[in-house]
N, C-alpha and C. Protein backbone atom coordinates (compact mmCIF):
# COMPACT_ATOMS: atom_id res chain seq x y z
N MET A 1 -25.06 -15.67 -8.86
CA MET A 1 -24.34 -14.74 -9.73
C MET A 1 -22.88 -15.18 -9.86
N ARG A 2 -22.40 -15.37 -11.05
CA ARG A 2 -21.03 -15.82 -11.31
C ARG A 2 -20.12 -14.61 -11.42
N LYS A 3 -19.05 -14.62 -10.65
CA LYS A 3 -18.10 -13.53 -10.70
C LYS A 3 -17.10 -13.76 -11.82
N LYS A 4 -16.60 -12.68 -12.38
CA LYS A 4 -15.56 -12.76 -13.39
C LYS A 4 -14.22 -12.57 -12.68
N PHE A 5 -13.34 -13.51 -12.87
CA PHE A 5 -12.02 -13.43 -12.27
C PHE A 5 -10.98 -13.29 -13.37
N THR A 6 -9.93 -12.54 -13.08
CA THR A 6 -8.81 -12.44 -14.00
C THR A 6 -8.01 -13.75 -13.94
N GLU A 7 -7.11 -13.93 -14.89
CA GLU A 7 -6.25 -15.11 -14.86
C GLU A 7 -5.40 -15.13 -13.60
N GLU A 8 -4.98 -13.94 -13.16
CA GLU A 8 -4.20 -13.84 -11.92
C GLU A 8 -5.04 -14.27 -10.72
N ASP A 9 -6.29 -13.84 -10.67
CA ASP A 9 -7.19 -14.24 -9.59
C ASP A 9 -7.37 -15.76 -9.56
N ILE A 10 -7.62 -16.33 -10.72
CA ILE A 10 -7.84 -17.78 -10.80
C ILE A 10 -6.59 -18.53 -10.35
N SER A 11 -5.43 -18.05 -10.78
CA SER A 11 -4.17 -18.68 -10.37
C SER A 11 -4.00 -18.61 -8.86
N ARG A 12 -4.31 -17.46 -8.27
CA ARG A 12 -4.17 -17.31 -6.81
C ARG A 12 -5.19 -18.15 -6.07
N ILE A 13 -6.41 -18.23 -6.56
CA ILE A 13 -7.44 -19.05 -5.92
C ILE A 13 -7.01 -20.51 -5.91
N ILE A 14 -6.50 -21.00 -7.05
CA ILE A 14 -6.03 -22.38 -7.12
C ILE A 14 -4.87 -22.60 -6.15
N GLU A 15 -3.94 -21.66 -6.11
CA GLU A 15 -2.81 -21.76 -5.19
C GLU A 15 -3.30 -21.83 -3.74
N MET A 16 -4.23 -20.96 -3.39
CA MET A 16 -4.77 -20.94 -2.03
C MET A 16 -5.49 -22.24 -1.71
N ALA A 17 -6.24 -22.76 -2.67
CA ALA A 17 -7.01 -23.99 -2.45
C ALA A 17 -6.08 -25.18 -2.22
N TRP A 18 -4.90 -25.19 -2.84
CA TRP A 18 -3.95 -26.29 -2.66
C TRP A 18 -3.17 -26.18 -1.36
N GLU A 19 -3.02 -24.95 -0.83
CA GLU A 19 -2.24 -24.75 0.39
C GLU A 19 -2.96 -25.36 1.59
N ASP A 20 -2.22 -26.07 2.42
CA ASP A 20 -2.81 -26.67 3.61
C ASP A 20 -3.26 -25.63 4.63
N ARG A 21 -2.55 -24.55 4.73
CA ARG A 21 -2.86 -23.54 5.75
C ARG A 21 -4.03 -22.64 5.39
N THR A 22 -4.38 -22.57 4.12
CA THR A 22 -5.44 -21.66 3.70
C THR A 22 -6.80 -22.31 3.89
N SER A 23 -7.63 -21.67 4.68
CA SER A 23 -8.97 -22.22 4.93
C SER A 23 -9.93 -21.82 3.80
N LEU A 24 -11.01 -22.56 3.71
CA LEU A 24 -12.05 -22.21 2.75
C LEU A 24 -12.67 -20.87 3.13
N ASP A 25 -12.67 -20.56 4.41
CA ASP A 25 -13.20 -19.28 4.88
C ASP A 25 -12.36 -18.11 4.35
N ALA A 26 -11.04 -18.29 4.29
CA ALA A 26 -10.15 -17.24 3.77
C ALA A 26 -10.39 -17.01 2.28
N ILE A 27 -10.61 -18.09 1.55
CA ILE A 27 -10.90 -17.95 0.11
C ILE A 27 -12.23 -17.23 -0.07
N TYR A 28 -13.20 -17.55 0.76
CA TYR A 28 -14.50 -16.86 0.69
C TYR A 28 -14.35 -15.36 1.00
N ARG A 29 -13.59 -15.05 2.04
CA ARG A 29 -13.39 -13.63 2.39
C ARG A 29 -12.69 -12.85 1.28
N ASN A 30 -11.72 -13.48 0.64
CA ASN A 30 -10.94 -12.78 -0.38
C ASN A 30 -11.61 -12.74 -1.75
N TYR A 31 -12.33 -13.79 -2.10
CA TYR A 31 -12.87 -13.89 -3.47
C TYR A 31 -14.38 -14.12 -3.53
N GLY A 32 -15.02 -14.30 -2.39
CA GLY A 32 -16.47 -14.47 -2.39
C GLY A 32 -16.94 -15.82 -2.90
N LEU A 33 -16.05 -16.82 -2.93
CA LEU A 33 -16.41 -18.16 -3.40
C LEU A 33 -16.76 -19.06 -2.23
N LYS A 34 -17.96 -19.60 -2.26
CA LYS A 34 -18.34 -20.61 -1.27
C LYS A 34 -17.73 -21.94 -1.68
N GLU A 35 -17.77 -22.92 -0.80
CA GLU A 35 -17.11 -24.20 -1.05
C GLU A 35 -17.58 -24.85 -2.35
N ASP A 36 -18.89 -24.86 -2.60
CA ASP A 36 -19.39 -25.50 -3.83
C ASP A 36 -18.95 -24.74 -5.08
N GLN A 37 -18.85 -23.41 -4.99
CA GLN A 37 -18.38 -22.62 -6.12
C GLN A 37 -16.89 -22.85 -6.37
N LEU A 38 -16.13 -22.99 -5.29
CA LEU A 38 -14.71 -23.28 -5.41
C LEU A 38 -14.50 -24.63 -6.08
N LYS A 39 -15.28 -25.62 -5.70
CA LYS A 39 -15.17 -26.95 -6.31
C LYS A 39 -15.42 -26.87 -7.81
N LEU A 40 -16.43 -26.10 -8.21
CA LEU A 40 -16.73 -25.96 -9.64
C LEU A 40 -15.59 -25.27 -10.38
N LEU A 41 -15.04 -24.22 -9.78
CA LEU A 41 -13.92 -23.51 -10.40
C LEU A 41 -12.72 -24.44 -10.55
N MET A 42 -12.41 -25.20 -9.50
CA MET A 42 -11.27 -26.12 -9.54
C MET A 42 -11.51 -27.21 -10.59
N LYS A 43 -12.71 -27.71 -10.67
CA LYS A 43 -13.03 -28.76 -11.64
C LYS A 43 -12.86 -28.24 -13.06
N LYS A 44 -13.24 -26.99 -13.28
CA LYS A 44 -13.14 -26.39 -14.60
C LYS A 44 -11.69 -26.10 -14.98
N GLU A 45 -10.91 -25.64 -14.02
CA GLU A 45 -9.56 -25.15 -14.32
C GLU A 45 -8.46 -26.21 -14.25
N LEU A 46 -8.68 -27.27 -13.47
CA LEU A 46 -7.64 -28.30 -13.31
C LEU A 46 -7.88 -29.47 -14.24
N LYS A 47 -6.81 -30.21 -14.51
CA LYS A 47 -6.96 -31.47 -15.23
C LYS A 47 -7.70 -32.42 -14.31
N ARG A 48 -8.33 -33.41 -14.90
CA ARG A 48 -9.18 -34.34 -14.12
C ARG A 48 -8.41 -34.99 -12.97
N GLY A 49 -7.21 -35.49 -13.25
CA GLY A 49 -6.41 -36.14 -12.20
C GLY A 49 -6.03 -35.18 -11.09
N SER A 50 -5.69 -33.95 -11.46
CA SER A 50 -5.32 -32.95 -10.45
C SER A 50 -6.52 -32.60 -9.58
N TYR A 51 -7.69 -32.49 -10.21
CA TYR A 51 -8.90 -32.19 -9.45
C TYR A 51 -9.21 -33.33 -8.47
N THR A 52 -9.08 -34.56 -8.94
CA THR A 52 -9.35 -35.73 -8.09
C THR A 52 -8.39 -35.74 -6.89
N LEU A 53 -7.11 -35.49 -7.14
CA LEU A 53 -6.13 -35.43 -6.04
C LEU A 53 -6.47 -34.32 -5.06
N TRP A 54 -6.87 -33.15 -5.57
CA TRP A 54 -7.22 -32.03 -4.70
C TRP A 54 -8.43 -32.37 -3.83
N ARG A 55 -9.44 -33.00 -4.42
CA ARG A 55 -10.63 -33.38 -3.65
C ARG A 55 -10.28 -34.36 -2.55
N LYS A 56 -9.44 -35.36 -2.85
CA LYS A 56 -9.03 -36.33 -1.83
C LYS A 56 -8.28 -35.62 -0.71
N ARG A 57 -7.39 -34.73 -1.09
CA ARG A 57 -6.59 -33.99 -0.12
C ARG A 57 -7.50 -33.11 0.75
N MET A 58 -8.46 -32.48 0.12
CA MET A 58 -9.37 -31.59 0.84
C MET A 58 -10.25 -32.37 1.82
N LYS A 59 -10.71 -33.54 1.42
CA LYS A 59 -11.56 -34.36 2.29
C LYS A 59 -10.82 -34.82 3.54
N ASN A 60 -9.52 -35.04 3.41
CA ASN A 60 -8.72 -35.54 4.52
C ASN A 60 -8.16 -34.44 5.42
N SER A 61 -8.38 -33.19 5.06
CA SER A 61 -7.80 -32.09 5.83
C SER A 61 -8.79 -31.57 6.88
N HIS A 62 -8.34 -31.51 8.12
CA HIS A 62 -9.17 -30.96 9.19
C HIS A 62 -8.94 -29.45 9.35
N LEU A 63 -8.11 -28.87 8.51
CA LEU A 63 -7.80 -27.45 8.60
C LEU A 63 -8.61 -26.60 7.62
N ARG A 64 -9.45 -27.21 6.82
CA ARG A 64 -10.12 -26.48 5.75
C ARG A 64 -11.15 -25.46 6.25
N HIS A 65 -11.70 -25.67 7.42
CA HIS A 65 -12.63 -24.69 8.00
C HIS A 65 -12.01 -24.15 9.28
N GLU A 66 -12.00 -22.85 9.42
CA GLU A 66 -11.35 -22.23 10.58
C GLU A 66 -11.93 -22.72 11.90
N SER A 67 -13.22 -22.99 11.93
CA SER A 67 -13.85 -23.43 13.18
C SER A 67 -13.38 -24.81 13.62
N LEU A 68 -12.82 -25.60 12.70
CA LEU A 68 -12.34 -26.94 13.03
C LEU A 68 -10.85 -26.98 13.37
N ARG A 69 -10.18 -25.85 13.22
CA ARG A 69 -8.75 -25.81 13.46
C ARG A 69 -8.44 -25.84 14.95
N PRO A 70 -7.31 -26.45 15.29
CA PRO A 70 -6.87 -26.40 16.69
C PRO A 70 -6.49 -24.97 17.07
N ASN A 71 -6.56 -24.67 18.34
CA ASN A 71 -6.12 -23.35 18.80
C ASN A 71 -4.67 -23.15 18.41
N GLY A 72 -4.32 -21.94 18.05
CA GLY A 72 -2.95 -21.63 17.70
C GLY A 72 -2.71 -21.54 16.21
N ILE A 73 -3.58 -22.12 15.40
CA ILE A 73 -3.45 -21.98 13.94
C ILE A 73 -4.38 -20.85 13.53
N THR A 74 -3.80 -19.68 13.37
CA THR A 74 -4.62 -18.51 13.08
C THR A 74 -4.32 -17.90 11.73
N ARG A 75 -3.17 -18.24 11.14
CA ARG A 75 -2.81 -17.64 9.85
C ARG A 75 -3.16 -18.60 8.72
N ALA A 76 -3.35 -18.00 7.54
CA ALA A 76 -3.60 -18.80 6.35
C ALA A 76 -2.32 -18.99 5.54
N TYR A 77 -1.20 -18.53 6.08
CA TYR A 77 0.06 -18.64 5.36
C TYR A 77 1.20 -18.72 6.36
N CYS A 78 2.32 -19.18 5.89
CA CYS A 78 3.52 -19.28 6.71
C CYS A 78 4.06 -17.88 6.99
N SER A 79 4.60 -17.65 8.17
CA SER A 79 5.12 -16.32 8.52
C SER A 79 6.26 -15.90 7.61
N GLN A 80 6.92 -16.83 6.96
CA GLN A 80 8.03 -16.53 6.05
C GLN A 80 7.57 -16.33 4.60
N GLN A 81 6.32 -16.58 4.32
CA GLN A 81 5.84 -16.65 2.94
C GLN A 81 5.79 -15.29 2.24
N TYR A 82 5.33 -14.26 2.89
CA TYR A 82 5.11 -12.98 2.22
C TYR A 82 6.07 -11.92 2.75
N LYS A 83 7.32 -12.07 2.42
CA LYS A 83 8.32 -11.06 2.78
C LYS A 83 8.45 -10.08 1.62
N PHE A 84 8.47 -8.81 1.96
CA PHE A 84 8.56 -7.79 0.93
C PHE A 84 10.01 -7.56 0.57
N LYS A 85 10.26 -7.38 -0.73
CA LYS A 85 11.61 -7.10 -1.21
C LYS A 85 11.87 -5.61 -1.07
N LYS A 86 13.11 -5.29 -0.72
CA LYS A 86 13.46 -3.86 -0.58
C LYS A 86 14.03 -3.35 -1.87
């Protein structure tokens, strides 16, 4: 079953997929996309060169699955990243 995502959702999914700290597990929890579905979305939404660079980057990252991460890396984002404005 293919989910319908808003443009904002797609933009955030792409942003999360490019971030080194964001695991594929976090994307699945937030958007219900498995790895193969994420690859299809990225292939559809990115230019060919950008998709190729992302795939190379993803293949070389040992942080993409939470179970493969070293102890101590528990967040999917930097502690400074989501500060609320007053």
